[in-house]
């Protein structure tokens, strides 16, 4: 989606500006709802109690469905004490002007929504169906996808924050499964004086790979990072500020590293579709007994041929005597930390919507928010979705101009 105004929209703006200058900037009192997540093992919540207090102190009403924060260890009492209204009726919680949640709403939840609402949630492109879009379009919803939100530095803010958490957490998970408690090899991840350090191979030099490398180095492990992009490898080394082993993905070099490592972390991402499967079944069979694979890319199919999706209840399986951890939603394992990261992103946006008199003005003035809009008043505005599902779409900039 375009982050800058289209040429046609710019031409429209070359008309006399008096009408634009008279646009109402009256501060709005927002009515915001936080439903309880029903998605399997989704433990995060978009706003903390203190963020709710900030919104309430700015004149906004916040409704929280009872139990919404329990999985992240935030109680109804904590939200109530900060000014939230605790709601026990799911139908009531979906009647607010703004709905903010983590997972996309289910069809049952969409049925409870009213016409013209604003929805802030994930989109989850990998599992998205056309019926979902049509259901929201019928409700004339303005919908924003967390995955496409950009900050002032043009960084995908939510994706970056969750990737930092997942990268660091994946190493801590590996440390658990190397221990005797989880029937691992009995190794301490890292090393001590006189004992060779643990060897960790990281496939992928993006944000997940960078934070996995940072955590591994901090624990004293020996780290090797592979990626097909020399640019990403160079950026990772510069960001870390330490010279570590890096290599482009060459089968012989990667296979040698995997055969000797104690932990392998798969952190390759694809912009569209599935992540590339880099490591074959044969290569996994030659890894050390009781070594650990953390396949962070499993939500895009995984980059190990032996991987298949697991969950937080049964997170691992063994194949070729190698422990595989393939849970898609690792951030929910540390839901409270993830919630703090998310609330830092979402709260300023909600305050901005109130200060600037509505979502339309925020979309107009904030390219990062505009980039995340995929439905505007029921009109599909995302060209990728339009092409994927063969649904007619409208230019978001022109829709905004016509409504100003």
Protein backbone atom coordinates (compact mmCIF):
# COMPACT_ATOMS: atom_id res chain seq x y z
CA UNK A 1 0.00 0.00 0.00
CA UNK A 2 1.25 3.50 -0.78
CA UNK A 3 2.70 5.48 2.09
CA UNK A 4 2.77 8.71 0.07
CA UNK A 5 -0.18 10.47 -1.56
CA UNK A 6 -0.94 9.41 -5.12
CA UNK A 7 -0.37 11.87 -7.97
CA UNK A 8 -4.11 12.10 -8.58
CA UNK A 9 -4.74 12.96 -4.93
CA UNK A 10 -2.01 15.62 -5.06
CA UNK A 11 -3.72 17.18 -8.07
CA UNK A 12 -6.96 17.28 -6.12
CA UNK A 13 -5.16 19.14 -3.36
CA UNK A 14 -4.02 21.84 -5.79
CA UNK A 15 -7.57 23.18 -5.67
CA UNK A 16 -8.28 26.16 -3.34
CA UNK A 17 -7.31 25.18 0.20
CA UNK A 18 -9.84 27.16 2.22
CA UNK A 19 -12.08 24.14 2.63
CA UNK A 20 -9.16 22.08 3.84
CA UNK A 21 -8.09 24.71 6.34
CA UNK A 22 -11.60 24.79 7.76
CA UNK A 23 -11.56 21.05 8.38
CA UNK A 24 -12.78 20.41 11.88
CA UNK A 25 -9.98 19.50 14.27
CA UNK A 26 -12.29 19.17 17.22
CA UNK A 27 -11.05 16.69 19.77
CA UNK A 28 -13.19 13.56 19.83
CA UNK A 29 -14.15 11.49 22.85
CA UNK A 30 -13.49 7.94 21.72
CA UNK A 31 -15.38 4.82 22.68
CA UNK A 32 -12.86 1.93 22.59
CA UNK A 33 -13.42 -1.78 23.22
CA UNK A 34 -10.94 -4.57 23.96
CA UNK A 35 -12.56 -8.00 23.41
CA UNK A 36 -11.21 -11.16 25.00
CA UNK A 37 -9.11 -13.13 22.51
CA UNK A 38 -10.63 -16.40 21.33
CA UNK A 39 -7.82 -17.40 18.96
CA UNK A 40 -6.00 -20.58 20.05
CA UNK A 41 -3.29 -19.81 22.64
CA UNK A 42 -3.33 -16.07 21.95
CA UNK A 43 -2.32 -14.66 25.34
CA UNK A 44 -1.55 -11.05 24.46
CA UNK A 45 -3.79 -8.03 24.94
CA UNK A 46 -3.28 -4.74 23.03
CA UNK A 47 -3.43 -2.28 25.97
CA UNK A 48 -2.13 -2.41 29.55
CA UNK A 49 -4.10 -0.98 32.50
CA UNK A 50 -1.81 2.09 32.65
CA UNK A 51 -2.42 2.78 28.96
CA UNK A 52 -6.15 2.52 29.63
CA UNK A 53 -5.71 5.08 32.43
CA UNK A 54 -3.97 7.45 29.98
CA UNK A 55 -6.83 7.13 27.51
CA UNK A 56 -9.48 7.62 30.21
CA UNK A 57 -7.65 10.68 31.56
CA UNK A 58 -7.81 12.13 28.04
CA UNK A 59 -11.59 11.85 28.03
CA UNK A 60 -12.03 8.50 26.28
CA UNK A 61 -14.14 5.54 27.39
CA UNK A 62 -12.53 2.09 27.38
CA UNK A 63 -14.54 -1.14 27.62
CA UNK A 64 -12.67 -4.34 28.47
CA UNK A 65 -14.33 -7.73 28.15
CA UNK A 66 -14.05 -9.64 31.41
CA UNK A 67 -10.99 -11.89 31.43
CA UNK A 68 -9.36 -10.24 28.42
CA UNK A 69 -6.07 -9.65 30.21
CA UNK A 70 -5.87 -12.78 32.35
CA UNK A 71 -3.53 -14.70 30.04
CA UNK A 72 -1.06 -11.79 30.22
CA UNK A 73 -1.54 -11.59 34.02
CA UNK A 74 -3.61 -8.40 34.00
CA UNK A 75 -6.77 -8.74 36.10
CA UNK A 76 -10.19 -7.17 35.57
CA UNK A 77 -9.61 -5.31 38.85
CA UNK A 78 -6.44 -3.68 37.49
CA UNK A 79 -8.31 -2.41 34.44
CA UNK A 80 -11.29 -1.30 36.49
CA UNK A 81 -9.06 0.60 38.94
CA UNK A 82 -7.61 2.55 35.99
CA UNK A 83 -11.04 3.62 34.75
CA UNK A 84 -12.04 0.87 32.32
CA UNK A 85 -15.57 -0.45 32.21
CA UNK A 86 -15.55 -4.25 32.57
CA UNK A 87 -18.08 -5.81 30.21
CA UNK A 88 -19.49 -9.33 30.57
CA UNK A 89 -21.67 -9.33 27.46
CA UNK A 90 -19.67 -10.05 24.28
CA UNK A 91 -22.33 -8.33 22.17
CA UNK A 92 -21.90 -5.10 24.14
CA UNK A 93 -18.12 -5.10 23.80
CA UNK A 94 -18.43 -5.16 19.99
CA UNK A 95 -20.68 -2.07 19.89
CA UNK A 96 -17.94 0.54 20.47
CA UNK A 97 -16.77 2.89 17.73
CA UNK A 98 -13.23 1.45 17.86
CA UNK A 99 -12.41 -2.23 18.34
CA UNK A 100 -8.80 -3.08 19.13
CA UNK A 101 -7.66 -6.68 19.47
CA UNK A 102 -4.74 -8.94 18.59
CA UNK A 103 -6.07 -11.69 16.31
CA UNK A 104 -8.48 -10.88 13.45
CA UNK A 105 -12.14 -11.08 14.50
CA UNK A 106 -13.93 -14.34 13.86
CA UNK A 107 -17.05 -14.45 11.68
CA UNK A 108 -19.14 -14.69 14.87
CA UNK A 109 -17.47 -11.54 16.18
CA UNK A 110 -17.91 -9.70 12.86
CA UNK A 111 -21.63 -10.51 13.07
CA UNK A 112 -21.74 -8.67 16.41
CA UNK A 113 -20.09 -5.56 14.98
CA UNK A 114 -22.08 -2.51 13.92
CA UNK A 115 -21.85 -0.51 10.71
CA UNK A 116 -19.02 1.99 10.30
CA UNK A 117 -16.70 0.86 13.08
CA UNK A 118 -12.91 1.19 13.16
CA UNK A 119 -11.05 -2.10 13.60
CA UNK A 120 -7.42 -2.34 14.71
CA UNK A 121 -6.13 -5.93 14.62
CA UNK A 122 -3.71 -8.26 12.91
CA UNK A 123 -4.58 -9.38 9.39
CA UNK A 124 -2.59 -12.65 9.24
CA UNK A 125 -2.13 -12.77 5.48
CA UNK A 126 -1.01 -16.42 5.45
CA UNK A 127 -4.45 -17.65 6.60
CA UNK A 128 -6.64 -14.85 5.21
CA UNK A 129 -9.77 -15.76 3.23
CA UNK A 130 -11.83 -13.62 0.87
CA UNK A 131 -14.98 -14.29 2.94
CA UNK A 132 -13.37 -12.45 5.87
CA UNK A 133 -12.86 -9.32 3.77
CA UNK A 134 -16.38 -9.46 2.33
CA UNK A 135 -17.87 -9.78 5.83
CA UNK A 136 -16.04 -6.64 7.00
CA UNK A 137 -16.88 -4.78 3.80
CA UNK A 138 -20.59 -5.40 4.37
CA UNK A 139 -20.22 -3.71 7.76
CA UNK A 140 -18.53 -0.70 6.08
CA UNK A 141 -15.62 -1.07 8.47
CA UNK A 142 -12.42 0.99 8.37
CA UNK A 143 -9.76 -1.62 9.14
CA UNK A 144 -6.10 -1.23 10.04
CA UNK A 145 -3.61 -4.10 9.98
CA UNK A 146 -0.97 -4.16 12.71
CA UNK A 147 1.50 -5.91 10.40
CA UNK A 148 1.67 -2.89 8.07
CA UNK A 149 1.96 -0.12 10.67
CA UNK A 150 5.10 1.98 10.15
CA UNK A 151 6.77 4.37 12.56
CA UNK A 152 8.53 7.69 11.92
CA UNK A 153 11.60 5.84 10.64
CA UNK A 154 9.48 3.88 8.13
CA UNK A 155 10.02 0.68 10.14
CA UNK A 156 7.20 -1.86 10.50
CA UNK A 157 6.76 -1.10 14.19
CA UNK A 158 4.72 -4.09 15.40
CA UNK A 159 6.62 -6.58 13.24
CA UNK A 160 9.91 -5.17 14.53
CA UNK A 161 8.86 -5.29 18.19
CA UNK A 162 7.53 -8.85 17.99
CA UNK A 163 10.60 -9.97 16.03
CA UNK A 164 12.90 -8.59 18.73
CA UNK A 165 10.95 -10.54 21.36
CA UNK A 166 10.87 -13.75 19.30
CA UNK A 167 14.59 -13.58 18.47
CA UNK A 168 15.66 -13.22 22.10
CA UNK A 169 13.08 -15.71 23.40
CA UNK A 170 14.04 -18.40 20.87
CA UNK A 171 17.52 -18.59 22.39
CA UNK A 172 16.09 -18.84 25.92
CA UNK A 173 13.81 -21.64 24.74
CA UNK A 174 16.81 -23.45 23.26
CA UNK A 175 18.58 -23.12 26.61
CA UNK A 176 15.67 -24.91 28.30
CA UNK A 177 15.64 -27.81 25.88
CA UNK A 178 19.39 -28.31 26.08
CA UNK A 179 19.03 -29.01 29.80
CA UNK A 180 18.44 -32.36 31.48
CA UNK A 181 15.07 -31.18 32.74
CA UNK A 182 13.69 -31.44 29.20
CA UNK A 183 15.69 -34.58 28.37
CA UNK A 184 18.21 -32.56 26.40
CA UNK A 185 21.94 -32.98 26.10
CA UNK A 186 22.55 -31.50 29.56
CA UNK A 187 24.39 -28.44 28.27
CA UNK A 188 24.34 -24.92 29.66
CA UNK A 189 23.80 -22.57 26.77
CA UNK A 190 26.90 -20.40 26.56
CA UNK A 191 30.03 -21.51 28.30
CA UNK A 192 32.32 -21.15 31.31
CA UNK A 193 36.07 -20.97 31.74
CA UNK A 194 37.80 -24.06 30.41
CA UNK A 195 34.67 -25.50 28.77
CA UNK A 196 34.01 -25.07 25.01
CA UNK A 197 31.03 -22.77 24.34
CA UNK A 198 27.72 -23.92 22.92
CA UNK A 199 27.55 -23.61 19.14
CA UNK A 200 24.49 -21.90 17.67
CA UNK A 201 23.62 -21.64 13.97
CA UNK A 202 21.13 -18.91 13.00
CA UNK A 203 19.60 -19.05 9.51
CA UNK A 204 18.35 -15.59 8.65
CA UNK A 205 19.90 -12.18 9.40
CA UNK A 206 16.74 -10.13 9.82
CA UNK A 207 15.46 -8.73 13.13
CA UNK A 208 14.75 -12.20 14.59
CA UNK A 209 18.22 -13.40 13.60
CA UNK A 210 19.85 -10.24 14.97
CA UNK A 211 18.22 -10.53 18.39
CA UNK A 212 18.85 -14.26 18.54
CA UNK A 213 22.52 -13.50 17.84
CA UNK A 214 22.61 -10.72 20.46
CA UNK A 215 21.18 -13.00 23.15
CA UNK A 216 23.43 -15.91 22.19
CA UNK A 217 26.56 -13.74 22.33
CA UNK A 218 25.51 -12.27 25.68
CA UNK A 219 25.24 -15.82 27.07
CA UNK A 220 28.70 -16.69 25.76
CA UNK A 221 27.74 -18.96 22.87
CA UNK A 222 29.65 -19.32 19.63
CA UNK A 223 27.39 -17.94 16.88
CA UNK A 224 27.27 -18.52 13.13
CA UNK A 225 24.76 -16.58 11.02
CA UNK A 226 23.70 -17.51 7.48
CA UNK A 227 21.63 -15.52 5.02
CA UNK A 228 21.32 -15.18 1.26
CA UNK A 229 21.74 -11.40 1.54
CA UNK A 230 25.21 -9.97 2.11
CA UNK A 231 23.56 -6.63 2.93
CA UNK A 232 21.61 -8.18 5.81
CA UNK A 233 24.69 -9.98 7.12
CA UNK A 234 26.70 -6.74 7.06
CA UNK A 235 23.87 -4.83 8.74
CA UNK A 236 23.63 -7.48 11.48
CA UNK A 237 27.34 -7.26 12.23
CA UNK A 238 27.22 -3.47 12.30
CA UNK A 239 24.17 -3.45 14.60
CA UNK A 240 25.69 -5.96 16.98
CA UNK A 241 29.04 -4.19 16.95
CA UNK A 242 30.94 -7.45 17.07
CA UNK A 243 32.70 -9.56 14.48
CA UNK A 244 30.97 -12.93 14.32
CA UNK A 245 30.96 -15.75 11.77
CA UNK A 246 28.68 -14.85 8.87
CA UNK A 247 28.19 -16.59 5.55
CA UNK A 248 25.89 -16.54 2.56
CA UNK A 249 23.84 -19.71 2.36
CA UNK A 250 26.12 -22.23 0.67
CA UNK A 251 24.92 -25.84 1.15
CA UNK A 252 28.31 -27.35 2.03
CA UNK A 253 29.24 -24.63 4.54
CA UNK A 254 25.77 -24.65 6.13
CA UNK A 255 25.65 -28.44 6.39
CA UNK A 256 29.06 -28.53 8.08
CA UNK A 257 27.94 -25.91 10.61
CA UNK A 258 24.67 -27.75 11.34
CA UNK A 259 26.45 -31.08 11.89
CA UNK A 260 28.62 -29.56 14.64
CA UNK A 261 26.12 -27.18 16.29
CA UNK A 262 24.08 -27.67 19.45
CA UNK A 263 21.24 -25.30 18.47
CA UNK A 264 19.86 -24.31 15.05
CA UNK A 265 17.43 -21.40 14.75
CA UNK A 266 15.43 -20.94 11.54
CA UNK A 267 14.58 -17.26 11.09
CA UNK A 268 14.09 -16.78 7.36
CA UNK A 269 11.07 -14.76 6.27
CA UNK A 270 9.36 -14.46 2.91
CA UNK A 271 7.63 -11.24 1.86
CA UNK A 272 4.87 -13.29 0.25
CA UNK A 273 3.90 -16.94 0.62
CA UNK A 274 6.13 -19.53 2.25
CA UNK A 275 9.63 -19.21 3.64
CA UNK A 276 12.27 -21.19 1.71
CA UNK A 277 12.99 -24.71 2.99
CA UNK A 278 16.77 -24.60 3.39
CA UNK A 279 17.64 -27.64 5.51
CA UNK A 280 16.82 -31.13 4.22
CA UNK A 281 15.72 -34.18 6.19
CA UNK A 282 19.09 -35.77 5.40
CA UNK A 283 21.00 -32.84 6.92
CA UNK A 284 18.90 -32.94 10.10
CA UNK A 285 19.60 -36.68 10.42
CA UNK A 286 23.34 -35.86 10.58
CA UNK A 287 22.98 -33.32 13.41
CA UNK A 288 24.19 -34.19 16.93
CA UNK A 289 21.83 -36.35 19.04
CA UNK A 290 19.72 -34.22 21.44
CA UNK A 291 20.56 -31.00 19.58
CA UNK A 292 17.75 -28.43 19.34
CA UNK A 293 15.98 -26.84 16.35
CA UNK A 294 13.87 -23.71 16.92
CA UNK A 295 11.99 -23.10 13.67
CA UNK A 296 10.71 -19.53 14.03
CA UNK A 297 9.68 -19.55 10.35
CA UNK A 298 7.10 -22.30 10.94
CA UNK A 299 4.18 -19.88 10.45
CA UNK A 300 5.37 -19.61 6.83
CA UNK A 301 6.00 -23.33 6.44
CA UNK A 302 9.39 -23.54 8.16
CA UNK A 303 12.92 -23.66 6.80
CA UNK A 304 13.65 -27.21 8.02
CA UNK A 305 12.15 -30.07 6.02
CA UNK A 306 11.51 -32.00 9.25
CA UNK A 307 9.42 -29.23 10.86
CA UNK A 308 5.68 -29.27 11.46
CA UNK A 309 3.52 -26.92 13.51
CA UNK A 310 3.32 -27.51 17.27
CA UNK A 311 1.70 -25.46 20.05
CA UNK A 312 2.42 -24.19 23.56
CA UNK A 313 0.79 -27.24 25.13
CA UNK A 314 2.86 -29.75 23.18
CA UNK A 315 5.68 -27.56 21.83
CA UNK A 316 8.27 -30.15 20.78
CA UNK A 317 8.78 -33.42 18.98
CA UNK A 318 11.84 -35.49 18.13
CA UNK A 319 12.96 -36.58 14.70
CA UNK A 320 16.36 -38.19 14.05
CA UNK A 321 16.85 -37.71 17.83
CA UNK A 322 16.84 -33.93 17.29
CA UNK A 323 14.46 -31.85 19.43
CA UNK A 324 12.19 -29.66 17.26
CA UNK A 325 10.38 -26.61 18.69
CA UNK A 326 7.93 -25.31 16.06
CA UNK A 327 5.39 -23.07 17.82
CA UNK A 328 4.16 -20.27 15.48
CA UNK A 329 3.20 -17.70 18.14
CA UNK A 330 6.33 -17.52 20.31
CA UNK A 331 5.51 -13.98 21.49
CA UNK A 332 2.47 -15.36 23.36
CA UNK A 333 4.89 -17.37 25.49
CA UNK A 334 5.95 -14.03 27.05
CA UNK A 335 2.56 -12.35 26.70
CA UNK A 336 3.09 -9.67 29.33
CA UNK A 337 6.31 -8.39 27.75
CA UNK A 338 4.67 -8.53 24.30
CA UNK A 339 1.69 -6.57 25.64
CA UNK A 340 3.96 -3.81 26.96
CA UNK A 341 5.62 -3.61 23.53
CA UNK A 342 2.26 -3.43 21.74
CA UNK A 343 0.68 -0.86 24.04
CA UNK A 344 3.64 1.48 23.40
CA UNK A 345 2.68 1.44 19.71
CA UNK A 346 -1.11 1.46 19.89
CA UNK A 347 -1.75 3.99 22.66
CA UNK A 348 -0.23 7.01 20.82
CA UNK A 349 -2.29 6.12 17.72
CA UNK A 350 -5.52 6.03 19.72
CA UNK A 351 -4.66 9.33 21.43
CA UNK A 352 -3.91 10.80 18.01
CA UNK A 353 -7.31 9.71 16.68
CA UNK A 354 -8.95 11.55 19.55
CA UNK A 355 -6.77 14.68 19.32
CA UNK A 356 -7.14 15.04 15.55
CA UNK A 357 -10.88 14.53 15.42
CA UNK A 358 -11.13 11.03 13.99
CA UNK A 359 -9.38 8.29 12.06
CA UNK A 360 -9.71 10.12 8.72
CA UNK A 361 -7.47 13.00 9.83
CA UNK A 362 -4.89 10.58 11.24
CA UNK A 363 -4.80 8.62 7.97
CA UNK A 364 -4.41 11.89 6.08
CA UNK A 365 -1.52 13.19 8.17
CA UNK A 366 0.30 9.99 9.20
CA UNK A 367 1.81 7.92 6.33
CA UNK A 368 2.65 5.08 8.73
CA UNK A 369 -0.99 4.63 9.72
CA UNK A 370 -2.16 5.15 6.14
CA UNK A 371 0.11 2.29 5.09
CA UNK A 372 -1.77 -0.05 7.45
CA UNK A 373 -5.30 0.70 6.16
CA UNK A 374 -6.74 -2.08 4.02
CA UNK A 375 -10.44 -1.19 4.27
CA UNK A 376 -11.82 2.34 4.34
CA UNK A 377 -15.54 2.63 5.12
CA UNK A 378 -16.08 -0.79 3.57
CA UNK A 379 -14.01 -0.11 0.43
CA UNK A 380 -10.98 -2.33 -0.17
CA UNK A 381 -7.89 -0.11 -0.55
CA UNK A 382 -5.03 -2.62 -0.45
CA UNK A 383 -3.84 -3.51 -3.97
CA UNK A 384 -2.14 -6.76 -2.86
CA UNK A 385 -5.40 -8.06 -1.36
CA UNK A 386 -7.37 -6.89 -4.39
CA UNK A 387 -5.10 -8.83 -6.75
CA UNK A 388 -4.97 -11.91 -4.52
CA UNK A 389 -8.75 -12.26 -4.17
CA UNK A 390 -9.81 -10.52 -7.39
CA UNK A 391 -11.84 -7.88 -5.52
CA UNK A 392 -12.27 -4.34 -6.92
CA UNK A 393 -10.41 -1.74 -4.90
CA UNK A 394 -10.34 2.05 -4.54
CA UNK A 395 -7.47 4.50 -4.16
CA UNK A 396 -7.33 5.36 -0.45
CA UNK A 397 -5.98 8.86 -1.04
CA UNK A 398 -8.88 9.74 -3.36
CA UNK A 399 -11.41 8.33 -0.88
CA UNK A 400 -9.98 10.57 1.84
CA UNK A 401 -9.87 13.64 -0.41
CA UNK A 402 -13.51 13.12 -1.41
CA UNK A 403 -14.55 12.99 2.26
CA UNK A 404 -12.69 16.13 3.38
